[in-house]
N, C-alpha and C. Protein backbone atom coordinates (compact mmCIF):
# COMPACT_ATOMS: atom_id res chain seq x y z
N UNK A 1 11.47 -22.33 17.03
CA UNK A 1 10.70 -22.79 15.60
C UNK A 1 11.05 -22.31 14.56
N UNK A 2 11.74 -21.18 14.28
CA UNK A 2 12.73 -20.48 13.35
C UNK A 2 14.31 -20.68 13.89
N UNK A 3 15.53 -21.07 12.80
CA UNK A 3 16.62 -21.22 13.02
C UNK A 3 17.23 -19.92 13.28
N UNK A 4 17.90 -19.67 13.18
CA UNK A 4 18.95 -18.51 13.15
C UNK A 4 19.42 -17.91 11.56
N UNK A 5 18.83 -19.06 10.42
CA UNK A 5 19.42 -19.05 9.25
C UNK A 5 18.00 -18.81 8.16
N UNK A 6 16.94 -19.31 9.05
CA UNK A 6 15.88 -18.87 8.36
C UNK A 6 15.66 -17.17 8.92
N UNK A 7 15.40 -16.88 10.10
CA UNK A 7 14.99 -15.91 10.17
C UNK A 7 16.02 -14.79 9.76
N UNK A 8 17.45 -15.22 9.25
CA UNK A 8 18.44 -14.23 7.90
C UNK A 8 18.38 -14.07 6.81
N UNK A 9 17.55 -15.08 6.62
CA UNK A 9 16.96 -15.10 5.30
C UNK A 9 15.05 -14.09 5.22
N UNK A 10 15.14 -14.19 6.17
CA UNK A 10 13.08 -13.44 5.96
C UNK A 10 13.67 -11.99 6.04
N UNK A 11 14.77 -11.70 7.12
CA UNK A 11 14.98 -10.35 7.23
C UNK A 11 15.89 -9.84 5.74
N UNK A 12 16.35 -10.28 5.28
CA UNK A 12 16.89 -10.38 3.71
C UNK A 12 15.68 -9.92 2.81
N UNK A 13 15.03 -10.49 2.31
CA UNK A 13 13.92 -10.55 1.71
C UNK A 13 13.22 -9.04 2.10
N UNK A 14 12.97 -8.82 3.66
CA UNK A 14 12.90 -8.01 3.58
C UNK A 14 12.94 -6.48 3.52
N UNK A 15 14.53 -6.47 3.27
CA UNK A 15 15.60 -6.19 2.73
C UNK A 15 15.20 -4.99 1.56
N UNK A 16 15.14 -6.66 0.95
CA UNK A 16 15.15 -6.47 -0.83
C UNK A 16 14.05 -5.63 -1.27
N UNK A 17 13.13 -6.34 -0.52
CA UNK A 17 11.44 -5.61 -0.85
C UNK A 17 11.46 -4.18 -0.16
N UNK A 18 11.55 -3.71 0.70
CA UNK A 18 12.08 -2.51 0.58
C UNK A 18 12.85 -2.10 -0.27
N UNK A 19 13.80 -2.27 -0.38
CA UNK A 19 14.67 -1.47 -1.88
C UNK A 19 13.83 -1.73 -3.00
N UNK A 20 12.90 -2.28 -3.19
CA UNK A 20 12.64 -2.72 -4.39
C UNK A 20 11.56 -1.50 -4.28
N UNK A 21 10.71 -1.19 -3.60
CA UNK A 21 9.61 -0.27 -3.15
C UNK A 21 10.29 1.35 -3.52
N UNK A 22 11.31 0.97 -3.08
CA UNK A 22 11.93 2.59 -3.16
C UNK A 22 11.99 2.64 -4.19
N UNK A 23 12.91 2.07 -5.33
CA UNK A 23 12.96 2.09 -6.78
C UNK A 23 11.91 2.15 -7.59
N UNK A 24 10.79 1.49 -6.94
CA UNK A 24 9.69 1.63 -7.72
C UNK A 24 8.84 2.97 -7.52
N UNK A 25 9.08 3.57 -6.49
CA UNK A 25 8.84 5.01 -6.46
C UNK A 25 9.60 6.20 -7.31
N UNK A 26 10.46 5.92 -7.63
CA UNK A 26 11.71 6.51 -8.77
C UNK A 26 11.01 5.99 -10.05
N UNK A 27 10.22 5.26 -10.23
CA UNK A 27 10.33 5.64 -11.94
C UNK A 27 8.76 5.89 -11.74
N UNK A 28 8.94 6.39 -13.15
CA UNK A 28 7.35 7.31 -13.55
C UNK A 28 6.95 6.34 -14.58
N UNK A 29 5.89 5.98 -15.15
CA UNK A 29 5.26 5.47 -15.86
C UNK A 29 3.95 6.12 -16.95
N UNK A 30 3.35 5.93 -17.20
CA UNK A 30 2.22 7.19 -18.41
C UNK A 30 1.89 6.21 -19.16
N UNK A 31 -0.13 6.65 -19.17
CA UNK A 31 -1.04 6.12 -19.74
C UNK A 31 -1.66 7.22 -20.41
N UNK A 32 -1.88 7.07 -22.00
CA UNK A 32 -1.98 7.93 -22.47
C UNK A 32 -3.82 7.20 -23.42
N UNK A 33 -4.96 8.27 -23.62
CA UNK A 33 -5.56 8.00 -24.26
C UNK A 33 -6.14 9.48 -25.42
N UNK A 34 -6.98 8.41 -26.30
CA UNK A 34 -7.17 10.22 -27.38
C UNK A 34 -5.90 10.88 -28.06
N UNK A 35 -5.18 9.75 -28.32
CA UNK A 35 -3.63 10.41 -29.63
C UNK A 35 -3.11 11.16 -28.47
N UNK A 36 -3.01 11.74 -27.07
CA UNK A 36 -2.70 11.88 -26.70
C UNK A 36 -3.46 13.39 -25.45
N UNK A 37 -4.35 13.25 -25.75
CA UNK A 37 -5.40 14.05 -25.36
C UNK A 37 -5.51 13.90 -24.03
N UNK A 38 -4.84 12.82 -23.48
CA UNK A 38 -4.86 12.84 -22.00
C UNK A 38 -3.99 11.55 -21.35
N UNK A 39 -3.34 12.44 -20.58
CA UNK A 39 -1.77 11.25 -20.37
C UNK A 39 -2.18 11.65 -18.59
N UNK A 40 -2.05 10.21 -17.57
CA UNK A 40 -1.46 10.36 -16.59
C UNK A 40 -0.45 9.54 -15.72
N UNK A 41 0.08 10.02 -15.06
CA UNK A 41 1.67 9.45 -14.77
C UNK A 41 1.51 8.55 -13.48
N UNK A 42 1.99 7.79 -13.36
CA UNK A 42 2.23 7.12 -12.16
C UNK A 42 3.56 6.50 -11.73
N UNK A 43 3.85 6.00 -10.26
CA UNK A 43 4.98 5.84 -9.97
C UNK A 43 4.89 4.52 -10.10
N UNK A 44 6.19 3.47 -10.25
CA UNK A 44 6.54 2.26 -10.49
C UNK A 44 5.53 1.59 -8.97
N UNK A 45 5.15 2.27 -8.39
CA UNK A 45 4.31 1.65 -7.41
C UNK A 45 3.01 1.84 -7.14
N UNK A 46 2.49 2.34 -8.34
CA UNK A 46 1.10 2.99 -9.16
C UNK A 46 0.69 3.76 -8.20
N UNK A 47 1.53 4.95 -7.61
CA UNK A 47 0.81 6.08 -6.88
C UNK A 47 0.66 7.22 -7.80
N UNK A 48 -0.07 7.72 -8.17
CA UNK A 48 -0.72 8.89 -8.27
C UNK A 48 0.22 9.88 -8.81
N UNK A 49 0.86 10.38 -9.97
CA UNK A 49 1.94 11.36 -9.42
C UNK A 49 1.14 13.07 -10.85
N UNK A 50 0.98 12.59 -11.69
CA UNK A 50 0.12 13.77 -12.45
C UNK A 50 -1.19 13.49 -13.40
N UNK A 51 -1.61 14.21 -14.32
CA UNK A 51 -2.75 13.70 -15.12
C UNK A 51 -2.97 15.22 -15.59
N UNK A 52 -2.38 15.19 -17.45
CA UNK A 52 -2.85 16.22 -18.24
C UNK A 52 -3.70 15.71 -19.06
N UNK A 53 -4.19 17.38 -19.03
CA UNK A 53 -5.50 17.07 -20.25
C UNK A 53 -4.96 18.20 -21.86
N UNK A 54 -5.05 17.68 -22.83
CA UNK A 54 -3.80 17.89 -24.15
C UNK A 54 -4.90 17.85 -25.18
N UNK A 55 -6.64 18.82 -24.89
CA UNK A 55 -7.63 19.25 -25.46
C UNK A 55 -8.54 20.26 -25.12
N UNK A 56 -9.03 21.38 -25.90
CA UNK A 56 -10.40 21.68 -24.90
C UNK A 56 -11.19 21.29 -24.32
N UNK A 57 -11.14 20.68 -22.98
CA UNK A 57 -11.80 19.88 -22.20
C UNK A 57 -13.63 20.27 -22.11
N UNK A 58 -13.36 22.41 -22.41
CA UNK A 58 -14.59 22.51 -22.41
C UNK A 58 -15.88 22.30 -23.50
N UNK A 59 -14.74 21.59 -24.82
CA UNK A 59 -15.59 21.02 -26.21
C UNK A 59 -15.90 20.15 -26.10
N UNK A 60 -15.73 18.65 -24.63
CA UNK A 60 -15.73 18.11 -24.96
C UNK A 60 -16.95 17.73 -23.84
N UNK A 61 -18.05 16.36 -23.96
CA UNK A 61 -19.04 15.63 -23.09
C UNK A 61 -18.24 15.12 -22.04
N UNK A 62 -18.46 15.11 -20.72
CA UNK A 62 -17.79 14.55 -19.87
C UNK A 62 -18.50 12.78 -19.57
N UNK A 63 -19.07 12.56 -20.93
CA UNK A 63 -18.45 11.41 -21.29
C UNK A 63 -17.42 10.91 -21.82
N UNK A 64 -17.05 11.74 -22.66
CA UNK A 64 -15.70 11.34 -23.82
C UNK A 64 -14.96 12.03 -22.52
N UNK A 65 -14.90 12.69 -21.62
CA UNK A 65 -13.90 12.83 -20.22
C UNK A 65 -13.66 11.92 -19.85
N UNK A 66 -14.75 11.21 -19.07
CA UNK A 66 -14.42 10.17 -18.65
C UNK A 66 -13.97 9.12 -19.53
N UNK A 67 -14.23 8.70 -20.35
CA UNK A 67 -13.67 7.81 -20.75
C UNK A 67 -12.08 7.81 -21.37
N UNK A 68 -11.79 8.89 -21.76
CA UNK A 68 -10.76 9.22 -22.14
C UNK A 68 -9.72 9.08 -20.40
N UNK A 69 -10.25 9.36 -19.44
CA UNK A 69 -9.78 8.99 -17.97
C UNK A 69 -9.02 7.90 -18.00
N UNK A 70 -10.43 6.86 -18.00
CA UNK A 70 -10.46 5.43 -17.67
C UNK A 70 -9.19 4.98 -18.50
N UNK A 71 -9.52 5.10 -19.89
CA UNK A 71 -8.51 4.46 -20.85
C UNK A 71 -7.14 5.04 -20.19
N UNK A 72 -6.66 6.32 -20.29
CA UNK A 72 -5.17 6.31 -19.49
C UNK A 72 -4.84 6.10 -18.46
N UNK A 73 -6.25 6.00 -17.04
CA UNK A 73 -5.66 5.26 -16.13
C UNK A 73 -5.01 3.23 -16.41
N UNK A 74 -6.41 3.42 -16.87
CA UNK A 74 -5.78 1.63 -17.25
C UNK A 74 -4.70 1.55 -17.68
N UNK A 75 -4.50 2.19 -18.65
CA UNK A 75 -3.06 1.95 -19.54
C UNK A 75 -1.55 2.21 -18.74
N UNK A 76 -1.99 3.35 -17.84
CA UNK A 76 -0.61 3.57 -16.87
C UNK A 76 -1.03 2.63 -15.59
N UNK A 77 -1.96 1.99 -15.25
CA UNK A 77 -2.14 1.55 -14.80
C UNK A 77 -0.77 -0.24 -14.86
N UNK A 78 -1.60 -0.92 -16.14
CA UNK A 78 -0.84 -1.93 -16.96
C UNK A 78 0.61 -1.93 -17.21
N UNK A 79 1.52 -0.42 -17.09
CA UNK A 79 2.37 -0.25 -17.45
C UNK A 79 3.15 -0.06 -16.00
N UNK A 80 2.62 0.11 -15.43
CA UNK A 80 2.97 0.54 -13.67
C UNK A 80 3.32 -1.54 -13.04
N UNK A 81 2.38 -1.98 -13.46
CA UNK A 81 2.01 -3.70 -13.20
C UNK A 81 3.23 -4.30 -13.99
N UNK A 82 3.82 -3.74 -14.61
CA UNK A 82 4.82 -4.72 -15.93
C UNK A 82 6.15 -4.11 -14.91
N UNK A 83 6.19 -3.32 -15.13
CA UNK A 83 7.30 -2.52 -13.76
C UNK A 83 7.67 -3.36 -12.24
N UNK A 84 6.55 -3.17 -12.06
CA UNK A 84 6.30 -3.58 -10.61
C UNK A 84 6.45 -5.17 -10.78
N UNK A 85 6.24 -6.39 -11.26
CA UNK A 85 6.78 -7.60 -11.80
C UNK A 85 7.88 -7.41 -11.94
N UNK A 86 8.57 -6.65 -13.13
CA UNK A 86 9.90 -6.90 -13.13
C UNK A 86 10.73 -6.94 -11.97
N UNK A 87 10.50 -6.10 -11.17
CA UNK A 87 11.05 -5.63 -9.95
C UNK A 87 11.32 -6.55 -9.66
N UNK A 88 9.69 -7.08 -8.76
CA UNK A 88 9.58 -8.10 -8.09
C UNK A 88 10.61 -9.45 -8.09
N UNK A 89 10.22 -9.87 -10.42
CA UNK A 89 11.26 -10.85 -10.49
C UNK A 89 12.72 -10.91 -10.06
N UNK A 90 13.34 -9.76 -10.18
CA UNK A 90 14.59 -9.05 -10.64
C UNK A 90 15.24 -9.33 -8.86
N UNK A 91 14.22 -8.81 -8.03
CA UNK A 91 14.28 -9.35 -6.64
C UNK A 91 14.81 -10.66 -6.00
N UNK A 92 13.28 -10.95 -6.42
CA UNK A 92 13.72 -13.09 -6.32
C UNK A 92 14.64 -13.66 -6.89
N UNK A 93 14.90 -13.13 -8.45
CA UNK A 93 16.20 -13.88 -9.24
C UNK A 93 17.68 -13.60 -7.81
N UNK A 94 17.56 -12.65 -7.34
CA UNK A 94 18.80 -11.82 -6.35
C UNK A 94 18.61 -13.06 -5.23
N UNK A 95 17.64 -13.09 -5.24
CA UNK A 95 17.16 -14.05 -3.12
C UNK A 95 17.62 -14.87 -3.63
N UNK A 96 16.89 -15.71 -4.59
CA UNK A 96 16.69 -17.25 -5.19
C UNK A 96 17.62 -17.44 -6.06
N UNK A 97 18.92 -17.59 -6.57
CA UNK A 97 19.86 -17.90 -7.90
C UNK A 97 19.38 -19.17 -8.45
N UNK A 98 18.80 -18.97 -9.91
CA UNK A 98 18.56 -20.32 -10.66
C UNK A 98 17.20 -19.98 -10.91
N UNK A 99 16.16 -19.03 -10.52
CA UNK A 99 14.89 -18.82 -10.70
C UNK A 99 14.80 -18.69 -12.33
């Protein structure tokens, strides 16, 4: 069904994907909200690393904290998606020169 050349390419693609995943695990991205009141850190693979609340959360309503968290998480995910997309495109260019 597949020739050895095709299997070699598939194995090479799998190897590149694994390398990309490892690289993305070493990259950290952040999202913040409220002028830095809340920061969320993720890896390039969108895995959670940390959260920091830089305000007196006892003086904030539950809804305000939830809003800050939602905005910070969304921004962190956007940044992780950008990094992830760049890594995938870089790997694709290495596999398929001329892209």
